[in-house]
Amino acid sequence: MLNNSYISRMKKLLFIALLFAACENDAPQVEKAAPPCVPANISYQKDIKPIITTSCAINSSCHGTGSPYGNFYNYDVLNATCISGEFNKRVFIQKTMPPVGLDSLGVDTLKLDSCDFLTLRRWYNNGHYN
C-alpha cells in the first residue's frame, strides 16, 4: 500500500510537469532570420514602392495610375488593400499577384524574386507602414 507522503510527492511532481507543459508555448515566437537582401526596417517609400513599380504598377491596367484595380503608387490605396486582407490573399496565399507577365522570349518579367517576396511579406506582417 502507498503511503500518503509518496502520493503527496507524486501529486506535486505531476503538478510541476503540467505547469511546465502549459508554459511551453507561452514564449514569444521569434521571426526566422531573413536573407541579407531583406531590410530589417522596411518602409513603403524606400523598399516597397520600387517593388510595386517594377512588378505591380507597370501600367494603368495593373496597379498604376488610373487603374480600376487600385493605384498602388498611392500608399493609402495599397494600405487599404492590406487592411482588407486582399493583398495577403492574392500575393501570399494564392500567389496570383503579380500575374504571369511573359515577354517575347517567354521569360516571366513580373515574377517576384525571393528577396522582393520576403520583403513584401515582412512589410505586410510588420504592419505595412508608410
Protein backbone atom coordinates (compact mmCIF):
# COMPACT_ATOMS: atom_id res chain seq x y z
CA MET A 1 0.00 0.00 0.00
CA LEU A 2 1.25 3.50 -0.85
CA ASN A 3 1.71 5.94 1.96
CA ASN A 4 0.31 9.48 1.95
CA SER A 5 3.77 11.07 1.75
CA TYR A 6 4.54 9.24 -1.50
CA ILE A 7 1.16 10.15 -3.03
CA SER A 8 1.62 13.78 -2.00
CA ARG A 9 5.07 13.92 -3.67
CA MET A 10 3.71 12.33 -6.85
CA LYS A 11 0.89 14.89 -7.00
CA LYS A 12 3.42 17.71 -6.64
CA LEU A 13 5.61 16.28 -9.41
CA LEU A 14 2.62 15.85 -11.69
CA PHE A 15 1.53 19.45 -10.99
CA ILE A 16 5.03 20.77 -11.79
CA ALA A 17 5.20 18.71 -15.00
CA LEU A 18 1.80 20.04 -16.12
CA LEU A 19 2.86 23.58 -15.26
CA PHE A 20 5.95 23.32 -17.46
CA ALA A 21 3.97 21.75 -20.28
CA ALA A 22 1.39 24.54 -20.13
CA CYS A 23 4.04 27.26 -20.22
CA GLU A 24 6.00 25.75 -23.09
CA ASN A 25 4.08 27.68 -25.80
CA ASP A 26 3.93 30.99 -23.92
CA ALA A 27 7.31 32.12 -25.22
CA PRO A 28 7.13 34.78 -27.93
CA GLN A 29 7.65 33.45 -31.42
CA VAL A 30 10.88 34.71 -32.94
CA GLU A 31 10.82 35.54 -36.65
CA LYS A 32 13.19 33.40 -38.63
CA ALA A 33 16.18 35.28 -39.91
CA ALA A 34 15.57 36.71 -43.34
CA PRO A 35 18.23 36.67 -46.04
CA PRO A 36 20.60 39.65 -46.05
CA CYS A 37 18.77 41.13 -49.03
CA VAL A 38 15.64 41.75 -46.89
CA PRO A 39 15.90 45.04 -44.98
CA ALA A 40 15.28 44.98 -41.22
CA ASN A 41 13.31 48.24 -41.18
CA ILE A 42 11.07 48.33 -44.22
CA SER A 43 9.19 51.41 -45.39
CA TYR A 44 6.78 51.87 -48.26
CA GLN A 45 8.72 54.71 -49.90
CA LYS A 46 12.19 53.21 -49.61
CA ASP A 47 11.58 49.48 -50.07
CA ILE A 48 8.05 48.65 -51.20
CA LYS A 49 7.35 51.30 -53.84
CA PRO A 50 10.28 50.16 -56.04
CA ILE A 51 8.92 46.59 -55.98
CA ILE A 52 5.42 47.87 -56.79
CA THR A 53 6.85 49.93 -59.65
CA THR A 54 8.63 47.00 -61.30
CA SER A 55 6.13 44.21 -60.63
CA CYS A 56 2.67 45.62 -59.88
CA ALA A 57 2.13 49.14 -61.18
CA ILE A 58 3.62 48.79 -64.62
CA ASN A 59 0.63 50.38 -66.38
CA SER A 60 -2.94 51.53 -65.82
CA SER A 61 -4.34 48.06 -66.48
CA CYS A 62 -2.42 46.72 -63.48
CA HIS A 63 -1.98 48.82 -60.32
CA GLY A 64 -0.58 52.02 -61.83
CA THR A 65 -2.05 55.49 -62.17
CA GLY A 66 -5.67 55.32 -63.34
CA SER A 67 -6.05 51.62 -62.62
CA PRO A 68 -9.54 50.39 -61.71
CA TYR A 69 -7.81 47.77 -59.52
CA GLY A 70 -6.16 50.34 -57.26
CA ASN A 71 -3.26 52.69 -57.81
CA PHE A 72 -0.52 51.19 -55.66
CA TYR A 73 1.73 54.19 -56.28
CA ASN A 74 -0.56 55.67 -53.64
CA TYR A 75 0.33 54.28 -50.20
CA ASP A 76 -3.19 54.83 -48.82
CA VAL A 77 -4.73 52.71 -51.59
CA LEU A 78 -2.24 49.90 -51.07
CA ASN A 79 -2.64 50.12 -47.29
CA ALA A 80 -6.43 49.81 -47.63
CA THR A 81 -5.89 46.68 -49.74
CA CYS A 82 -3.65 45.30 -46.98
CA ILE A 83 -6.21 46.11 -44.28
CA SER A 84 -8.98 44.38 -46.25
CA GLY A 85 -6.86 41.21 -46.46
CA GLU A 86 -6.92 41.19 -50.26
CA PHE A 87 -3.18 41.86 -50.56
CA ASN A 88 -2.37 38.96 -48.25
CA LYS A 89 -4.75 36.65 -50.09
CA ARG A 90 -3.56 37.45 -53.62
CA VAL A 91 0.19 37.85 -53.01
CA PHE A 92 0.99 35.38 -50.21
CA ILE A 93 -1.78 32.77 -50.14
CA GLN A 94 -3.00 32.37 -53.72
CA LYS A 95 0.23 33.78 -55.20
CA THR A 96 -1.72 35.11 -58.18
CA MET A 97 -0.24 38.60 -57.94
CA PRO A 98 1.70 39.67 -59.76
CA PRO A 99 0.27 37.70 -62.64
CA VAL A 100 2.47 35.97 -65.17
CA GLY A 101 3.99 38.57 -67.47
CA LEU A 102 5.78 36.81 -70.30
CA ASP A 103 7.97 38.82 -72.63
CA SER A 104 8.61 37.92 -76.29
CA LEU A 105 11.13 35.27 -75.21
CA GLY A 106 8.74 33.63 -72.75
CA VAL A 107 10.50 35.00 -69.66
CA ASP A 108 8.23 35.99 -66.77
CA THR A 109 9.26 39.62 -66.26
CA LEU A 110 6.77 40.32 -63.45
CA LYS A 111 7.60 37.40 -61.16
CA LEU A 112 8.84 38.47 -57.76
CA ASP A 113 12.28 37.22 -56.85
CA SER A 114 12.60 35.67 -53.40
CA CYS A 115 14.06 38.83 -51.83
CA ASP A 116 11.22 41.01 -53.12
CA PHE A 117 8.64 38.44 -51.98
CA LEU A 118 10.18 38.20 -48.50
CA THR A 119 10.50 41.99 -48.28
CA LEU A 120 6.80 42.38 -49.11
CA ARG A 121 5.86 39.69 -46.62
CA ARG A 122 7.93 41.23 -43.80
CA TRP A 123 6.47 44.67 -44.54
CA TYR A 124 2.94 43.24 -44.53
CA ASN A 125 3.46 41.19 -41.36
CA ASN A 126 5.03 44.13 -39.52
CA GLY A 127 2.00 46.36 -40.07
CA HIS A 128 2.54 47.65 -43.65
CA TYR A 129 3.68 51.10 -42.52
CA ASN A 130 4.49 54.06 -44.74
